[in-house]
Amino acid sequence: MSTPDPGAVPSERPTAPASDVETAPAAAPARRRLPAWVFVLATVVLLADQFTKWWALSALETGERVPLVGDLLGLRLVFNPGAAFSIATGMTWALTIVVVVVVVVILRAVRRIGSRGWAVALGLLLGGALGNLGDRLFRDPGFARGEVVDMIDYGVFVGNVADVAIVAAAALIALLGVRGIGIDGRRHDDEPGPGPDRTDAAAEEA
């Protein structure tokens, strides 16, 4: 039976790196602020969208194009009863329901957000969705059948600030998906799995 060496230094339990200890307390308050970022950005997008629509209605003639960059970019006031590229014209009520569902999904997702990239993406998406939803709910010809005000003429189609925000959000969400970053801020490759330590321990127990 061996006896402990009195001169031996007791082993110490491994401790987490100092950087982890210092970062963890700071990460929680930052994460709690992310939903506020979503709503602030959504408000900015919504205000910008509604202001530009008000300006277009007061300064532009319906259908008349004002060139800005030749045929590539201009201003033209149109009223769109459908989706992008005037798809689903005559189904405005259905599009209104779809947008309402999208807004509800975004609001539910905000509670789980843990990534600044996702905060920006959802803020842009929420602001753009609300901007066009307001048109469908409150503009002529009637509630839930309103026509969306578009004024940015790209030559192929005409859009608005809300559309720009939605497209930017879609691109950012695609980028986050390619990088494997989930809405909670974790990467897909961070999921726990059977590492080598677990395998070795199982082998020893067997």
N, C-alpha and C. Protein backbone atom coordinates (compact mmCIF):
# COMPACT_ATOMS: atom_id res chain seq x y z
N MET A 1 0.85 -1.20 0.00
CA MET A 1 0.00 0.00 0.00
C MET A 1 0.87 1.23 0.00
N SER A 2 0.69 2.09 -0.98
CA SER A 2 1.54 3.28 -1.11
C SER A 2 1.05 4.37 -0.20
N THR A 3 1.98 5.20 0.24
CA THR A 3 1.66 6.34 1.11
C THR A 3 1.86 7.62 0.33
N PRO A 4 1.05 8.61 0.62
CA PRO A 4 1.19 9.88 -0.12
C PRO A 4 2.50 10.56 0.17
N ASP A 5 3.07 11.14 -0.84
CA ASP A 5 4.32 11.89 -0.71
C ASP A 5 4.05 13.21 -0.03
N PRO A 6 4.64 13.44 1.16
CA PRO A 6 4.35 14.72 1.84
C PRO A 6 4.83 15.93 1.09
N GLY A 7 5.76 15.75 0.19
CA GLY A 7 6.26 16.91 -0.54
C GLY A 7 5.51 17.20 -1.81
N ALA A 8 4.55 16.32 -2.13
CA ALA A 8 3.81 16.51 -3.38
C ALA A 8 2.87 17.69 -3.27
N VAL A 9 2.72 18.40 -4.37
CA VAL A 9 1.83 19.56 -4.41
C VAL A 9 0.44 19.08 -4.80
N PRO A 10 -0.59 19.40 -4.00
CA PRO A 10 -1.94 18.93 -4.34
C PRO A 10 -2.36 19.43 -5.72
N SER A 11 -3.01 18.53 -6.45
CA SER A 11 -3.46 18.92 -7.78
C SER A 11 -4.63 19.87 -7.67
N GLU A 12 -4.71 20.79 -8.60
CA GLU A 12 -5.79 21.78 -8.63
C GLU A 12 -6.76 21.45 -9.76
N ARG A 13 -8.02 21.72 -9.50
CA ARG A 13 -9.01 21.50 -10.54
C ARG A 13 -8.81 22.50 -11.66
N PRO A 14 -8.97 22.08 -12.90
CA PRO A 14 -8.83 23.03 -14.00
C PRO A 14 -9.89 24.12 -13.92
N THR A 15 -9.47 25.31 -14.14
CA THR A 15 -10.39 26.45 -14.09
C THR A 15 -10.62 26.98 -15.50
N ALA A 16 -11.74 27.63 -15.67
CA ALA A 16 -12.06 28.20 -16.99
C ALA A 16 -11.11 29.34 -17.29
N PRO A 17 -10.77 29.55 -18.55
CA PRO A 17 -9.89 30.67 -18.91
C PRO A 17 -10.45 31.98 -18.41
N ALA A 18 -9.52 32.89 -18.09
CA ALA A 18 -9.94 34.19 -17.55
C ALA A 18 -10.85 34.92 -18.52
N SER A 19 -10.58 34.76 -19.82
CA SER A 19 -11.40 35.46 -20.81
C SER A 19 -12.85 35.01 -20.74
N ASP A 20 -13.07 33.69 -20.52
CA ASP A 20 -14.43 33.18 -20.42
C ASP A 20 -15.13 33.72 -19.19
N VAL A 21 -14.39 33.78 -18.08
CA VAL A 21 -14.97 34.27 -16.84
C VAL A 21 -15.35 35.73 -16.97
N GLU A 22 -14.51 36.50 -17.67
CA GLU A 22 -14.78 37.92 -17.81
C GLU A 22 -15.87 38.19 -18.82
N THR A 23 -15.99 37.33 -19.82
CA THR A 23 -16.96 37.56 -20.89
C THR A 23 -18.37 37.15 -20.50
N ALA A 24 -18.52 36.08 -19.76
CA ALA A 24 -19.84 35.54 -19.46
C ALA A 24 -20.77 36.55 -18.79
N PRO A 25 -20.33 37.27 -17.72
CA PRO A 25 -21.26 38.22 -17.11
C PRO A 25 -21.66 39.33 -18.06
N ALA A 26 -20.76 39.72 -18.97
CA ALA A 26 -21.07 40.83 -19.88
C ALA A 26 -21.98 40.38 -21.01
N ALA A 27 -21.98 39.09 -21.32
CA ALA A 27 -22.78 38.61 -22.45
C ALA A 27 -24.26 38.61 -22.13
N ALA A 28 -24.62 38.34 -20.87
CA ALA A 28 -26.04 38.25 -20.52
C ALA A 28 -26.77 39.58 -20.69
N PRO A 29 -26.24 40.71 -20.17
CA PRO A 29 -26.93 41.99 -20.41
C PRO A 29 -27.01 42.34 -21.89
N ALA A 30 -25.95 42.04 -22.65
CA ALA A 30 -25.97 42.34 -24.09
C ALA A 30 -27.04 41.53 -24.78
N ARG A 31 -27.21 40.28 -24.37
CA ARG A 31 -28.25 39.43 -24.99
C ARG A 31 -29.63 39.96 -24.66
N ARG A 32 -29.82 40.47 -23.44
CA ARG A 32 -31.12 41.00 -23.07
C ARG A 32 -31.47 42.26 -23.85
N ARG A 33 -30.45 42.95 -24.36
CA ARG A 33 -30.70 44.17 -25.14
C ARG A 33 -31.05 43.88 -26.60
N LEU A 34 -30.79 42.67 -27.08
CA LEU A 34 -31.00 42.36 -28.49
C LEU A 34 -32.46 42.55 -28.93
N PRO A 35 -33.46 42.11 -28.15
CA PRO A 35 -34.84 42.38 -28.59
C PRO A 35 -35.12 43.87 -28.76
N ALA A 36 -34.53 44.70 -27.91
CA ALA A 36 -34.73 46.14 -28.04
C ALA A 36 -34.14 46.63 -29.36
N TRP A 37 -32.99 46.06 -29.77
CA TRP A 37 -32.40 46.44 -31.05
C TRP A 37 -33.35 46.11 -32.19
N VAL A 38 -34.00 44.96 -32.10
CA VAL A 38 -34.94 44.55 -33.15
C VAL A 38 -36.04 45.60 -33.31
N PHE A 39 -36.64 45.99 -32.19
CA PHE A 39 -37.78 46.91 -32.25
C PHE A 39 -37.35 48.33 -32.63
N VAL A 40 -36.16 48.75 -32.21
CA VAL A 40 -35.67 50.08 -32.60
C VAL A 40 -35.43 50.12 -34.10
N LEU A 41 -34.75 49.11 -34.64
CA LEU A 41 -34.48 49.07 -36.08
C LEU A 41 -35.77 48.96 -36.87
N ALA A 42 -36.72 48.15 -36.39
CA ALA A 42 -38.00 48.03 -37.07
C ALA A 42 -38.73 49.37 -37.09
N THR A 43 -38.65 50.12 -36.01
CA THR A 43 -39.30 51.44 -35.96
C THR A 43 -38.66 52.40 -36.96
N VAL A 44 -37.33 52.38 -37.05
CA VAL A 44 -36.64 53.25 -38.00
C VAL A 44 -37.05 52.91 -39.43
N VAL A 45 -37.08 51.62 -39.76
CA VAL A 45 -37.47 51.20 -41.11
C VAL A 45 -38.92 51.61 -41.39
N LEU A 46 -39.80 51.41 -40.43
CA LEU A 46 -41.22 51.74 -40.61
C LEU A 46 -41.41 53.23 -40.83
N LEU A 47 -40.73 54.05 -40.04
CA LEU A 47 -40.85 55.51 -40.21
C LEU A 47 -40.30 55.96 -41.54
N ALA A 48 -39.14 55.41 -41.94
CA ALA A 48 -38.56 55.78 -43.23
C ALA A 48 -39.47 55.38 -44.38
N ASP A 49 -40.07 54.19 -44.27
CA ASP A 49 -40.98 53.72 -45.32
C ASP A 49 -42.21 54.61 -45.43
N GLN A 50 -42.81 54.93 -44.30
CA GLN A 50 -44.02 55.74 -44.34
C GLN A 50 -43.73 57.18 -44.77
N PHE A 51 -42.58 57.71 -44.39
CA PHE A 51 -42.23 59.07 -44.81
C PHE A 51 -42.03 59.13 -46.32
N THR A 52 -41.30 58.16 -46.87
CA THR A 52 -41.06 58.18 -48.32
C THR A 52 -42.36 57.97 -49.10
N LYS A 53 -43.27 57.17 -48.55
CA LYS A 53 -44.57 56.99 -49.22
C LYS A 53 -45.38 58.29 -49.17
N TRP A 54 -45.36 58.97 -48.03
CA TRP A 54 -46.05 60.26 -47.93
C TRP A 54 -45.47 61.26 -48.91
N TRP A 55 -44.13 61.27 -49.02
CA TRP A 55 -43.48 62.20 -49.95
C TRP A 55 -43.85 61.87 -51.39
N ALA A 56 -43.83 60.58 -51.73
CA ALA A 56 -44.15 60.18 -53.10
C ALA A 56 -45.57 60.57 -53.47
N LEU A 57 -46.51 60.39 -52.54
CA LEU A 57 -47.90 60.74 -52.81
C LEU A 57 -48.08 62.24 -53.02
N SER A 58 -47.25 63.04 -52.38
CA SER A 58 -47.40 64.49 -52.47
C SER A 58 -46.54 65.12 -53.57
N ALA A 59 -45.50 64.41 -54.03
CA ALA A 59 -44.56 65.02 -54.97
C ALA A 59 -44.55 64.38 -56.35
N LEU A 60 -45.05 63.17 -56.50
CA LEU A 60 -44.97 62.46 -57.78
C LEU A 60 -46.35 62.30 -58.40
N GLU A 61 -46.36 62.29 -59.72
CA GLU A 61 -47.59 62.01 -60.46
C GLU A 61 -47.67 60.52 -60.75
N THR A 62 -48.85 59.95 -60.60
CA THR A 62 -49.03 58.51 -60.80
C THR A 62 -48.59 58.09 -62.20
N GLY A 63 -47.68 57.12 -62.26
CA GLY A 63 -47.23 56.57 -63.53
C GLY A 63 -46.14 57.35 -64.22
N GLU A 64 -45.87 58.58 -63.82
CA GLU A 64 -44.84 59.40 -64.49
C GLU A 64 -43.48 59.08 -63.90
N ARG A 65 -42.52 58.74 -64.76
CA ARG A 65 -41.19 58.33 -64.31
C ARG A 65 -40.24 59.51 -64.27
N VAL A 66 -39.51 59.62 -63.16
CA VAL A 66 -38.47 60.64 -63.00
C VAL A 66 -37.13 59.91 -62.97
N PRO A 67 -36.32 60.01 -64.02
CA PRO A 67 -35.05 59.26 -64.05
C PRO A 67 -34.04 59.81 -63.06
N LEU A 68 -33.35 58.89 -62.41
CA LEU A 68 -32.26 59.26 -61.50
C LEU A 68 -30.92 58.78 -62.06
N VAL A 69 -30.87 57.52 -62.51
CA VAL A 69 -29.67 56.96 -63.13
C VAL A 69 -30.11 56.31 -64.44
N GLY A 70 -30.47 57.15 -65.40
CA GLY A 70 -30.91 56.64 -66.69
C GLY A 70 -32.09 55.69 -66.57
N ASP A 71 -31.98 54.55 -67.25
CA ASP A 71 -33.03 53.54 -67.19
C ASP A 71 -32.85 52.57 -66.02
N LEU A 72 -31.73 52.71 -65.30
CA LEU A 72 -31.44 51.77 -64.23
C LEU A 72 -32.21 52.09 -62.95
N LEU A 73 -32.39 53.35 -62.66
CA LEU A 73 -33.03 53.74 -61.41
C LEU A 73 -33.78 55.05 -61.59
N GLY A 74 -34.99 55.08 -61.06
CA GLY A 74 -35.79 56.30 -61.16
C GLY A 74 -36.89 56.30 -60.13
N LEU A 75 -37.77 57.28 -60.23
CA LEU A 75 -38.91 57.40 -59.32
C LEU A 75 -40.19 57.34 -60.15
N ARG A 76 -41.11 56.50 -59.72
CA ARG A 76 -42.40 56.40 -60.41
C ARG A 76 -43.44 55.92 -59.42
N LEU A 77 -44.47 56.69 -59.23
CA LEU A 77 -45.51 56.36 -58.27
C LEU A 77 -46.50 55.37 -58.86
N VAL A 78 -46.60 54.21 -58.22
CA VAL A 78 -47.59 53.20 -58.63
C VAL A 78 -48.24 52.62 -57.38
N PHE A 79 -49.40 52.01 -57.57
CA PHE A 79 -50.13 51.38 -56.47
C PHE A 79 -50.24 49.89 -56.78
N ASN A 80 -49.65 49.08 -55.93
CA ASN A 80 -49.52 47.66 -56.19
C ASN A 80 -50.51 46.86 -55.33
N PRO A 81 -51.50 46.21 -55.96
CA PRO A 81 -52.46 45.40 -55.18
C PRO A 81 -51.94 43.99 -54.90
N GLY A 82 -50.80 43.63 -55.50
CA GLY A 82 -50.28 42.28 -55.33
C GLY A 82 -48.97 42.27 -54.56
N ALA A 83 -48.19 41.22 -54.78
CA ALA A 83 -46.89 41.10 -54.14
C ALA A 83 -45.83 41.68 -55.08
N ALA A 84 -44.57 41.31 -54.85
CA ALA A 84 -43.50 41.78 -55.71
C ALA A 84 -43.76 41.37 -57.16
N PHE A 85 -43.39 42.24 -58.10
CA PHE A 85 -43.61 42.03 -59.53
C PHE A 85 -45.12 41.91 -59.85
N SER A 86 -45.96 42.47 -58.95
CA SER A 86 -47.43 42.45 -59.13
C SER A 86 -47.99 41.03 -59.15
N ILE A 87 -47.27 40.08 -58.52
CA ILE A 87 -47.76 38.71 -58.43
C ILE A 87 -48.96 38.67 -57.48
N ALA A 88 -49.91 37.80 -57.75
CA ALA A 88 -51.10 37.59 -56.92
C ALA A 88 -51.99 38.82 -56.87
N THR A 89 -52.03 39.59 -57.96
CA THR A 89 -52.96 40.70 -58.04
C THR A 89 -54.39 40.18 -57.92
N GLY A 90 -55.18 40.85 -57.11
CA GLY A 90 -56.54 40.40 -56.85
C GLY A 90 -56.66 39.50 -55.64
N MET A 91 -55.52 39.17 -55.00
CA MET A 91 -55.53 38.35 -53.79
C MET A 91 -54.93 39.13 -52.62
N THR A 92 -55.22 40.42 -52.56
CA THR A 92 -54.64 41.27 -51.54
C THR A 92 -54.98 40.79 -50.14
N TRP A 93 -56.22 40.33 -49.95
CA TRP A 93 -56.62 39.86 -48.62
C TRP A 93 -55.78 38.68 -48.17
N ALA A 94 -55.44 37.78 -49.12
CA ALA A 94 -54.62 36.62 -48.77
C ALA A 94 -53.20 37.06 -48.41
N LEU A 95 -52.66 38.02 -49.18
CA LEU A 95 -51.33 38.54 -48.87
C LEU A 95 -51.31 39.22 -47.51
N THR A 96 -52.41 39.90 -47.16
CA THR A 96 -52.49 40.54 -45.85
C THR A 96 -52.40 39.51 -44.74
N ILE A 97 -53.10 38.39 -44.90
CA ILE A 97 -53.05 37.33 -43.90
C ILE A 97 -51.64 36.76 -43.78
N VAL A 98 -50.99 36.57 -44.92
CA VAL A 98 -49.62 36.04 -44.91
C VAL A 98 -48.69 36.97 -44.15
N VAL A 99 -48.79 38.28 -44.40
CA VAL A 99 -47.92 39.24 -43.73
C VAL A 99 -48.18 39.27 -42.23
N VAL A 100 -49.45 39.18 -41.84
CA VAL A 100 -49.79 39.14 -40.42
C VAL A 100 -49.14 37.92 -39.76
N VAL A 101 -49.20 36.78 -40.42
CA VAL A 101 -48.58 35.57 -39.88
C VAL A 101 -47.07 35.77 -39.75
N VAL A 102 -46.44 36.38 -40.75
CA VAL A 102 -45.00 36.64 -40.71
C VAL A 102 -44.66 37.52 -39.51
N VAL A 103 -45.44 38.56 -39.29
CA VAL A 103 -45.18 39.47 -38.16
C VAL A 103 -45.29 38.71 -36.83
N VAL A 104 -46.30 37.87 -36.69
CA VAL A 104 -46.47 37.09 -35.46
C VAL A 104 -45.29 36.15 -35.24
N VAL A 105 -44.83 35.50 -36.31
CA VAL A 105 -43.68 34.60 -36.20
C VAL A 105 -42.44 35.36 -35.76
N ILE A 106 -42.23 36.54 -36.32
CA ILE A 106 -41.06 37.34 -35.95
C ILE A 106 -41.13 37.73 -34.48
N LEU A 107 -42.29 38.17 -34.02
CA LEU A 107 -42.44 38.58 -32.62
C LEU A 107 -42.18 37.42 -31.67
N ARG A 108 -42.58 36.23 -32.05
CA ARG A 108 -42.32 35.06 -31.21
C ARG A 108 -40.83 34.69 -31.23
N ALA A 109 -40.19 34.88 -32.39
CA ALA A 109 -38.77 34.52 -32.51
C ALA A 109 -37.88 35.47 -31.74
N VAL A 110 -38.31 36.71 -31.56
CA VAL A 110 -37.49 37.72 -30.88
C VAL A 110 -37.13 37.26 -29.47
N ARG A 111 -37.99 36.49 -28.83
CA ARG A 111 -37.74 36.06 -27.46
C ARG A 111 -36.54 35.12 -27.37
N ARG A 112 -36.19 34.46 -28.47
CA ARG A 112 -35.09 33.49 -28.46
C ARG A 112 -33.81 34.04 -29.05
N ILE A 113 -33.81 35.30 -29.41
CA ILE A 113 -32.69 35.84 -30.17
C ILE A 113 -31.44 35.95 -29.30
N GLY A 114 -30.30 35.56 -29.87
CA GLY A 114 -29.04 35.64 -29.15
C GLY A 114 -27.88 36.04 -30.04
N SER A 115 -28.20 36.65 -31.19
CA SER A 115 -27.18 37.02 -32.17
C SER A 115 -27.46 38.42 -32.68
N ARG A 116 -26.41 39.25 -32.74
CA ARG A 116 -26.59 40.60 -33.26
C ARG A 116 -26.98 40.58 -34.73
N GLY A 117 -26.42 39.62 -35.50
CA GLY A 117 -26.79 39.51 -36.90
C GLY A 117 -28.27 39.22 -37.08
N TRP A 118 -28.78 38.29 -36.26
CA TRP A 118 -30.20 37.98 -36.33
C TRP A 118 -31.05 39.15 -35.84
N ALA A 119 -30.55 39.92 -34.88
CA ALA A 119 -31.29 41.10 -34.42
C ALA A 119 -31.47 42.10 -35.56
N VAL A 120 -30.40 42.31 -36.34
CA VAL A 120 -30.49 43.22 -37.48
C VAL A 120 -31.44 42.66 -38.53
N ALA A 121 -31.30 41.37 -38.83
CA ALA A 121 -32.15 40.75 -39.86
C ALA A 121 -33.63 40.82 -39.48
N LEU A 122 -33.95 40.47 -38.24
CA LEU A 122 -35.35 40.48 -37.83
C LEU A 122 -35.89 41.90 -37.70
N GLY A 123 -35.03 42.85 -37.32
CA GLY A 123 -35.47 44.24 -37.27
C GLY A 123 -35.82 44.78 -38.65
N LEU A 124 -34.98 44.47 -39.65
CA LEU A 124 -35.27 44.88 -41.02
C LEU A 124 -36.53 44.20 -41.53
N LEU A 125 -36.65 42.90 -41.26
CA LEU A 125 -37.81 42.15 -41.76
C LEU A 125 -39.10 42.62 -41.10
N LEU A 126 -39.06 42.86 -39.79
CA LEU A 126 -40.26 43.31 -39.09
C LEU A 126 -40.67 44.70 -39.56
N GLY A 127 -39.71 45.62 -39.69
CA GLY A 127 -40.04 46.97 -40.15
C GLY A 127 -40.60 46.98 -41.56
N GLY A 128 -40.01 46.18 -42.46
CA GLY A 128 -40.52 46.12 -43.83
C GLY A 128 -41.89 45.49 -43.90
N ALA A 129 -42.10 44.42 -43.13
CA ALA A 129 -43.41 43.77 -43.14
C ALA A 129 -44.49 44.70 -42.61
N LEU A 130 -44.20 45.43 -41.54
CA LEU A 130 -45.18 46.35 -40.97
C LEU A 130 -45.47 47.52 -41.92
N GLY A 131 -44.43 47.97 -42.64
CA GLY A 131 -44.62 49.07 -43.58
C GLY A 131 -45.62 48.73 -44.66
N ASN A 132 -45.46 47.57 -45.28
CA ASN A 132 -46.40 47.16 -46.33
C ASN A 132 -47.74 46.71 -45.76
N LEU A 133 -47.70 46.14 -44.54
CA LEU A 133 -48.96 45.72 -43.92
C LEU A 133 -49.84 46.93 -43.62
N GLY A 134 -49.24 48.04 -43.21
CA GLY A 134 -50.02 49.24 -42.97
C GLY A 134 -50.75 49.71 -44.21
N ASP A 135 -50.09 49.61 -45.36
CA ASP A 135 -50.76 49.99 -46.62
C ASP A 135 -51.95 49.07 -46.89
N ARG A 136 -51.75 47.77 -46.71
CA ARG A 136 -52.81 46.81 -47.02
C ARG A 136 -54.00 46.96 -46.08
N LEU A 137 -53.73 47.38 -44.86
CA LEU A 137 -54.82 47.51 -43.89
C LEU A 137 -55.59 48.81 -44.02
N PHE A 138 -54.89 49.92 -44.33
CA PHE A 138 -55.52 51.23 -44.18
C PHE A 138 -55.65 52.06 -45.45
N ARG A 139 -55.08 51.61 -46.56
CA ARG A 139 -55.20 52.40 -47.78
C ARG A 139 -56.36 51.88 -48.65
N ASP A 140 -56.72 52.70 -49.63
CA ASP A 140 -57.78 52.32 -50.56
C ASP A 140 -57.36 51.07 -51.35
N PRO A 141 -58.31 50.22 -51.73
CA PRO A 141 -59.77 50.44 -51.73
C PRO A 141 -60.51 50.02 -50.47
N GLY A 142 -59.80 49.49 -49.43
CA GLY A 142 -60.51 49.13 -48.22
C GLY A 142 -59.65 48.33 -47.28
N PHE A 143 -60.16 48.08 -46.09
CA PHE A 143 -59.43 47.38 -45.05
C PHE A 143 -59.01 45.99 -45.52
N ALA A 144 -57.72 45.69 -45.33
CA ALA A 144 -57.12 44.40 -45.71
C ALA A 144 -57.04 44.21 -47.21
N ARG A 145 -57.49 45.22 -47.99
CA ARG A 145 -57.41 45.13 -49.45
C ARG A 145 -56.68 46.33 -50.04
N GLY A 146 -55.98 47.06 -49.18
CA GLY A 146 -55.30 48.27 -49.63
C GLY A 146 -54.15 47.99 -50.57
N GLU A 147 -53.85 48.96 -51.42
CA GLU A 147 -52.76 48.84 -52.39
C GLU A 147 -51.49 49.45 -51.81
N VAL A 148 -50.38 48.77 -52.00
CA VAL A 148 -49.09 49.22 -51.48
C VAL A 148 -48.54 50.33 -52.36
N VAL A 149 -48.04 51.40 -51.73
CA VAL A 149 -47.46 52.52 -52.46
C VAL A 149 -46.01 52.20 -52.80
N ASP A 150 -45.68 52.17 -54.09
CA ASP A 150 -44.32 51.92 -54.57
C ASP A 150 -43.84 53.15 -55.32
N MET A 151 -42.54 53.43 -55.23
CA MET A 151 -42.02 54.62 -55.92
C MET A 151 -40.58 54.47 -56.43
N ILE A 152 -39.86 53.41 -56.06
CA ILE A 152 -38.49 53.24 -56.51
C ILE A 152 -38.51 52.35 -57.75
N ASP A 153 -38.23 52.95 -58.91
CA ASP A 153 -38.33 52.25 -60.19
C ASP A 153 -36.96 51.70 -60.58
N TYR A 154 -36.85 50.38 -60.61
CA TYR A 154 -35.59 49.73 -60.98
C TYR A 154 -35.57 49.34 -62.46
N GLY A 155 -36.56 49.77 -63.21
CA GLY A 155 -36.64 49.42 -64.62
C GLY A 155 -37.44 48.16 -64.84
N VAL A 156 -37.14 47.10 -64.07
CA VAL A 156 -37.85 45.83 -64.20
C VAL A 156 -39.09 45.82 -63.31
N PHE A 157 -38.99 46.42 -62.14
CA PHE A 157 -40.13 46.47 -61.21
C PHE A 157 -40.00 47.74 -60.37
N VAL A 158 -41.06 48.04 -59.64
CA VAL A 158 -41.09 49.23 -58.78
C VAL A 158 -41.30 48.77 -57.34
N GLY A 159 -40.52 49.31 -56.41
CA GLY A 159 -40.62 48.91 -55.01
C GLY A 159 -40.64 50.11 -54.08
N ASN A 160 -40.38 49.86 -52.82
CA ASN A 160 -40.36 50.92 -51.83
C ASN A 160 -39.31 50.60 -50.77
N VAL A 161 -39.22 51.44 -49.75
CA VAL A 161 -38.21 51.25 -48.70
C VAL A 161 -38.46 49.96 -47.94
N ALA A 162 -39.72 49.62 -47.69
CA ALA A 162 -40.03 48.37 -47.00
C ALA A 162 -39.50 47.17 -47.78
N ASP A 163 -39.65 47.20 -49.10
CA ASP A 163 -39.14 46.10 -49.93
C ASP A 163 -37.62 45.99 -49.83
N VAL A 164 -36.93 47.13 -49.81
CA VAL A 164 -35.47 47.13 -49.68
C VAL A 164 -35.07 46.47 -48.36
N ALA A 165 -35.77 46.82 -47.28
CA ALA A 165 -35.46 46.24 -45.98
C ALA A 165 -35.71 44.74 -45.96
N ILE A 166 -36.79 44.30 -46.60
CA ILE A 166 -37.11 42.87 -46.63
C ILE A 166 -36.07 42.09 -47.42
N VAL A 167 -35.65 42.64 -48.56
CA VAL A 167 -34.63 41.96 -49.37
C VAL A 167 -33.30 41.90 -48.61
N ALA A 168 -32.92 43.00 -47.94
CA ALA A 168 -31.69 43.01 -47.15
C ALA A 168 -31.76 42.00 -46.02
N ALA A 169 -32.93 41.88 -45.39
CA ALA A 169 -33.10 40.90 -44.31
C ALA A 169 -32.96 39.49 -44.85
N ALA A 170 -33.56 39.21 -46.00
CA ALA A 170 -33.46 37.88 -46.60
C ALA A 170 -32.01 37.52 -46.92
N ALA A 171 -31.25 38.49 -47.45
CA ALA A 171 -29.84 38.24 -47.77
C ALA A 171 -29.04 37.96 -46.51
N LEU A 172 -29.32 38.73 -45.44
CA LEU A 172 -28.59 38.54 -44.19
C LEU A 172 -28.94 37.21 -43.55
N ILE A 173 -30.21 36.82 -43.59
CA ILE A 173 -30.61 35.53 -43.04
C ILE A 173 -29.94 34.39 -43.81
N ALA A 174 -29.85 34.53 -45.14
CA ALA A 174 -29.17 33.52 -45.94
C ALA A 174 -27.69 33.42 -45.55
N LEU A 175 -27.05 34.58 -45.33
CA LEU A 175 -25.64 34.58 -44.93
C LEU A 175 -25.45 33.92 -43.57
N LEU A 176 -26.34 34.23 -42.62
CA LEU A 176 -26.25 33.61 -41.31
C LEU A 176 -26.47 32.10 -41.40
N GLY A 177 -27.37 31.69 -42.30
CA GLY A 177 -27.59 30.26 -42.48
C GLY A 177 -26.37 29.57 -43.05
N VAL A 178 -25.70 30.21 -44.03
CA VAL A 178 -24.49 29.63 -44.62
C VAL A 178 -23.39 29.51 -43.57
N ARG A 179 -23.29 30.50 -42.70
CA ARG A 179 -22.27 30.46 -41.64
C ARG A 179 -22.66 29.56 -40.49
N GLY A 180 -23.89 29.02 -40.52
CA GLY A 180 -24.31 28.08 -39.50
C GLY A 180 -24.66 28.72 -38.18
N ILE A 181 -25.05 30.00 -38.18
CA ILE A 181 -25.39 30.70 -36.94
C ILE A 181 -26.89 30.65 -36.73
N GLY A 182 -27.32 30.04 -35.63
CA GLY A 182 -28.73 29.95 -35.31
C GLY A 182 -29.25 31.23 -34.68
N ILE A 183 -30.56 31.31 -34.53
CA ILE A 183 -31.16 32.53 -34.00
C ILE A 183 -30.75 32.77 -32.55
N ASP A 184 -30.36 31.69 -31.84
CA ASP A 184 -29.93 31.84 -30.46
C ASP A 184 -28.46 32.22 -30.35
N GLY A 185 -27.78 32.40 -31.49
CA GLY A 185 -26.39 32.81 -31.50
C GLY A 185 -25.40 31.67 -31.55
N ARG A 186 -25.88 30.43 -31.42
CA ARG A 186 -24.98 29.28 -31.46
C ARG A 186 -24.76 28.81 -32.89
N ARG A 187 -23.55 28.34 -33.14
CA ARG A 187 -23.27 27.74 -34.44
C ARG A 187 -23.75 26.29 -34.44
N HIS A 188 -24.09 25.81 -35.61
CA HIS A 188 -24.58 24.44 -35.72
C HIS A 188 -23.52 23.44 -35.29
N ASP A 189 -22.23 23.76 -35.51
CA ASP A 189 -21.18 22.82 -35.13
C ASP A 189 -20.84 22.90 -33.66
N ASP A 190 -21.56 23.77 -32.90
CA ASP A 190 -21.36 23.83 -31.45
C ASP A 190 -22.27 22.87 -30.70
N GLU A 191 -23.15 22.14 -31.43
CA GLU A 191 -24.07 21.23 -30.77
C GLU A 191 -23.28 20.14 -30.05
N PRO A 192 -23.66 19.77 -28.81
CA PRO A 192 -22.92 18.73 -28.09
C PRO A 192 -22.99 17.39 -28.79
N GLY A 193 -21.92 16.69 -28.78
CA GLY A 193 -21.87 15.38 -29.43
C GLY A 193 -20.95 14.45 -28.67
N PRO A 194 -20.86 13.19 -29.06
CA PRO A 194 -19.99 12.23 -28.37
C PRO A 194 -18.54 12.50 -28.68
N GLY A 195 -17.86 13.29 -27.84
CA GLY A 195 -16.47 13.62 -28.05
C GLY A 195 -15.57 12.47 -27.67
N PRO A 196 -14.26 12.63 -27.87
CA PRO A 196 -13.30 11.56 -27.59
C PRO A 196 -13.27 11.19 -26.11
N ASP A 197 -13.46 12.19 -25.20
CA ASP A 197 -13.42 11.88 -23.78
C ASP A 197 -14.53 10.93 -23.40
N ARG A 198 -15.77 11.18 -23.97
CA ARG A 198 -16.89 10.30 -23.66
C ARG A 198 -16.64 8.89 -24.21
N THR A 199 -16.03 8.81 -25.38
CA THR A 199 -15.75 7.50 -25.97
C THR A 199 -14.76 6.72 -25.12
N ASP A 200 -13.70 7.40 -24.65
CA ASP A 200 -12.70 6.75 -23.83
C ASP A 200 -13.30 6.27 -22.52
N ALA A 201 -14.16 7.11 -21.92
CA ALA A 201 -14.77 6.74 -20.65
C ALA A 201 -15.66 5.53 -20.82
N ALA A 202 -16.41 5.49 -21.92
CA ALA A 202 -17.28 4.35 -22.17
C ALA A 202 -16.46 3.07 -22.36
N ALA A 203 -15.32 3.21 -23.03
CA ALA A 203 -14.47 2.04 -23.25
C ALA A 203 -13.91 1.51 -21.94
N GLU A 204 -13.51 2.43 -21.02
CA GLU A 204 -12.96 2.01 -19.75
C GLU A 204 -14.04 1.30 -18.91
N GLU A 205 -15.30 1.84 -18.95
CA GLU A 205 -16.35 1.21 -18.19
C GLU A 205 -16.66 -0.18 -18.72
N ALA A 206 -16.58 -0.35 -20.05
CA ALA A 206 -16.83 -1.66 -20.63
C ALA A 206 -15.74 -2.65 -20.22
